[in-house]
């Protein structure tokens, strides 16, 4: 068991060099604002956005952007679930 270097949450690292919990890791590498930034997105809107942004719904030239947005929305939903809001 380790503590996340970003948020302090306890997590089991998949590799010995992982220092961020999965949620912080996704947020960091997807370029998403942390929850403390004050960005609020209700669960239904996030789910609708996920359906619209999913890479399978876009041509190949937008796949990378759609993937990043989908990852960011999934991280936001994971955070909401962790806080008991989803």
C-alpha atoms as a PDB file:
ATOM      1  CA  UNK A   1       0.000   0.000   0.000  1.00  0.00           C
ATOM      2  CA  UNK A   2       1.278   3.466  -0.922  1.00  0.00           C
ATOM      3  CA  UNK A   3       0.105   7.058  -0.592  1.00  0.00           C
ATOM      4  CA  UNK A   4      -0.500   9.185  -3.678  1.00  0.00           C
ATOM      5  CA  UNK A   5       2.105  11.957  -3.992  1.00  0.00           C
ATOM      6  CA  UNK A   6      -0.600  14.283  -5.363  1.00  0.00           C
ATOM      7  CA  UNK A   7      -3.712  13.784  -3.210  1.00  0.00           C
ATOM      8  CA  UNK A   8      -2.482  11.538  -0.371  1.00  0.00           C
ATOM      9  CA  UNK A   9      -5.005   8.771  -1.060  1.00  0.00           C
ATOM     10  CA  UNK A  10      -4.009   5.198  -0.268  1.00  0.00           C
ATOM     11  CA  UNK A  11      -3.614   2.957  -3.311  1.00  0.00           C
ATOM     12  CA  UNK A  12      -1.877  -0.227  -4.443  1.00  0.00           C
ATOM     13  CA  UNK A  13       0.675   0.683  -7.138  1.00  0.00           C
ATOM     14  CA  UNK A  14       0.725  -1.518 -10.224  1.00  0.00           C
ATOM     15  CA  UNK A  15       4.473  -0.946 -10.608  1.00  0.00           C
ATOM     16  CA  UNK A  16       7.127  -0.111  -8.004  1.00  0.00           C
ATOM     17  CA  UNK A  17       7.716   3.316  -9.590  1.00  0.00           C
ATOM     18  CA  UNK A  18       4.061   4.470  -9.526  1.00  0.00           C
ATOM     19  CA  UNK A  19       3.693   7.395  -7.140  1.00  0.00           C
ATOM     20  CA  UNK A  20       0.240   8.650  -8.167  1.00  0.00           C
ATOM     21  CA  UNK A  21      -3.127   6.988  -7.575  1.00  0.00           C
ATOM     22  CA  UNK A  22      -5.008   6.028 -10.771  1.00  0.00           C
ATOM     23  CA  UNK A  23      -7.292   9.067 -10.584  1.00  0.00           C
ATOM     24  CA  UNK A  24      -4.431  11.577 -10.176  1.00  0.00           C
ATOM     25  CA  UNK A  25      -2.412   9.797 -12.834  1.00  0.00           C
ATOM     26  CA  UNK A  26      -5.237  10.060 -15.390  1.00  0.00           C
ATOM     27  CA  UNK A  27      -5.841  13.691 -14.456  1.00  0.00           C
ATOM     28  CA  UNK A  28      -2.153  14.579 -14.719  1.00  0.00           C
ATOM     29  CA  UNK A  29      -1.564  12.874 -18.024  1.00  0.00           C
ATOM     30  CA  UNK A  30      -4.859  13.957 -19.575  1.00  0.00           C
ATOM     31  CA  UNK A  31      -4.285  17.588 -18.580  1.00  0.00           C
ATOM     32  CA  UNK A  32      -7.478  17.840 -16.534  1.00  0.00           C
ATOM     33  CA  UNK A  33      -8.007  20.433 -13.842  1.00  0.00           C
ATOM     34  CA  UNK A  34      -8.018  19.003 -10.296  1.00  0.00           C
ATOM     35  CA  UNK A  35     -11.303  19.036  -8.339  1.00  0.00           C
ATOM     36  CA  UNK A  36      -9.975  21.948  -6.280  1.00  0.00           C
ATOM     37  CA  UNK A  37     -10.057  24.115  -9.433  1.00  0.00           C
ATOM     38  CA  UNK A  38     -13.800  24.550  -8.873  1.00  0.00           C
ATOM     39  CA  UNK A  39     -14.950  22.949 -12.122  1.00  0.00           C
ATOM     40  CA  UNK A  40     -18.321  21.278 -11.546  1.00  0.00           C
ATOM     41  CA  UNK A  41     -19.944  18.867 -13.968  1.00  0.00           C
ATOM     42  CA  UNK A  42     -23.031  16.938 -12.950  1.00  0.00           C
ATOM     43  CA  UNK A  43     -23.013  13.183 -13.481  1.00  0.00           C
ATOM     44  CA  UNK A  44     -25.686  13.079 -16.189  1.00  0.00           C
ATOM     45  CA  UNK A  45     -23.916  15.764 -18.229  1.00  0.00           C
ATOM     46  CA  UNK A  46     -20.601  13.918 -17.847  1.00  0.00           C
ATOM     47  CA  UNK A  47     -22.190  10.653 -19.010  1.00  0.00           C
ATOM     48  CA  UNK A  48     -23.787  12.389 -21.993  1.00  0.00           C
ATOM     49  CA  UNK A  49     -20.476  14.023 -22.864  1.00  0.00           C
ATOM     50  CA  UNK A  50     -18.777  10.618 -22.660  1.00  0.00           C
ATOM     51  CA  UNK A  51     -21.231   9.200 -25.174  1.00  0.00           C
ATOM     52  CA  UNK A  52     -20.633  12.146 -27.522  1.00  0.00           C
ATOM     53  CA  UNK A  53     -16.851  12.264 -27.115  1.00  0.00           C
ATOM     54  CA  UNK A  54     -16.121   8.546 -27.399  1.00  0.00           C
ATOM     55  CA  UNK A  55     -13.395   7.923 -30.030  1.00  0.00           C
ATOM     56  CA  UNK A  56     -15.554   5.355 -31.864  1.00  0.00           C
ATOM     57  CA  UNK A  57     -17.914   8.189 -32.832  1.00  0.00           C
ATOM     58  CA  UNK A  58     -15.239  10.257 -34.592  1.00  0.00           C
ATOM     59  CA  UNK A  59     -13.097   9.972 -37.727  1.00  0.00           C
ATOM     60  CA  UNK A  60      -9.470   8.902 -37.403  1.00  0.00           C
ATOM     61  CA  UNK A  61      -8.145  12.464 -37.538  1.00  0.00           C
ATOM     62  CA  UNK A  62      -9.998  13.317 -34.300  1.00  0.00           C
ATOM     63  CA  UNK A  63      -9.372  10.017 -32.511  1.00  0.00           C
ATOM     64  CA  UNK A  64      -6.498  11.332 -30.361  1.00  0.00           C
ATOM     65  CA  UNK A  65      -8.463  14.374 -29.181  1.00  0.00           C
ATOM     66  CA  UNK A  66     -11.577  12.272 -28.529  1.00  0.00           C
ATOM     67  CA  UNK A  67      -9.497   9.790 -26.526  1.00  0.00           C
ATOM     68  CA  UNK A  68      -8.022  12.542 -24.316  1.00  0.00           C
ATOM     69  CA  UNK A  69     -11.441  14.046 -23.657  1.00  0.00           C
ATOM     70  CA  UNK A  70     -12.942  10.632 -22.915  1.00  0.00           C
ATOM     71  CA  UNK A  71     -10.104   9.882 -20.470  1.00  0.00           C
ATOM     72  CA  UNK A  72     -10.639  13.234 -18.741  1.00  0.00           C
ATOM     73  CA  UNK A  73     -14.371  12.644 -18.383  1.00  0.00           C
ATOM     74  CA  UNK A  74     -13.783   9.120 -17.059  1.00  0.00           C
ATOM     75  CA  UNK A  75     -11.373  10.551 -14.457  1.00  0.00           C
ATOM     76  CA  UNK A  76     -13.998  13.105 -13.416  1.00  0.00           C
ATOM     77  CA  UNK A  77     -16.609  10.360 -13.041  1.00  0.00           C
ATOM     78  CA  UNK A  78     -14.147   8.261 -11.018  1.00  0.00           C
ATOM     79  CA  UNK A  79     -13.615  11.238  -8.707  1.00  0.00           C
ATOM     80  CA  UNK A  80     -17.373  11.676  -8.336  1.00  0.00           C
ATOM     81  CA  UNK A  81     -17.768   7.989  -7.517  1.00  0.00           C
ATOM     82  CA  UNK A  82     -14.993   8.204  -4.945  1.00  0.00           C
ATOM     83  CA  UNK A  83     -16.813  11.096  -3.302  1.00  0.00           C
ATOM     84  CA  UNK A  84     -20.127   9.207  -3.405  1.00  0.00           C
ATOM     85  CA  UNK A  85     -21.703  11.539  -5.977  1.00  0.00           C
ATOM     86  CA  UNK A  86     -22.172   9.074  -8.819  1.00  0.00           C
END
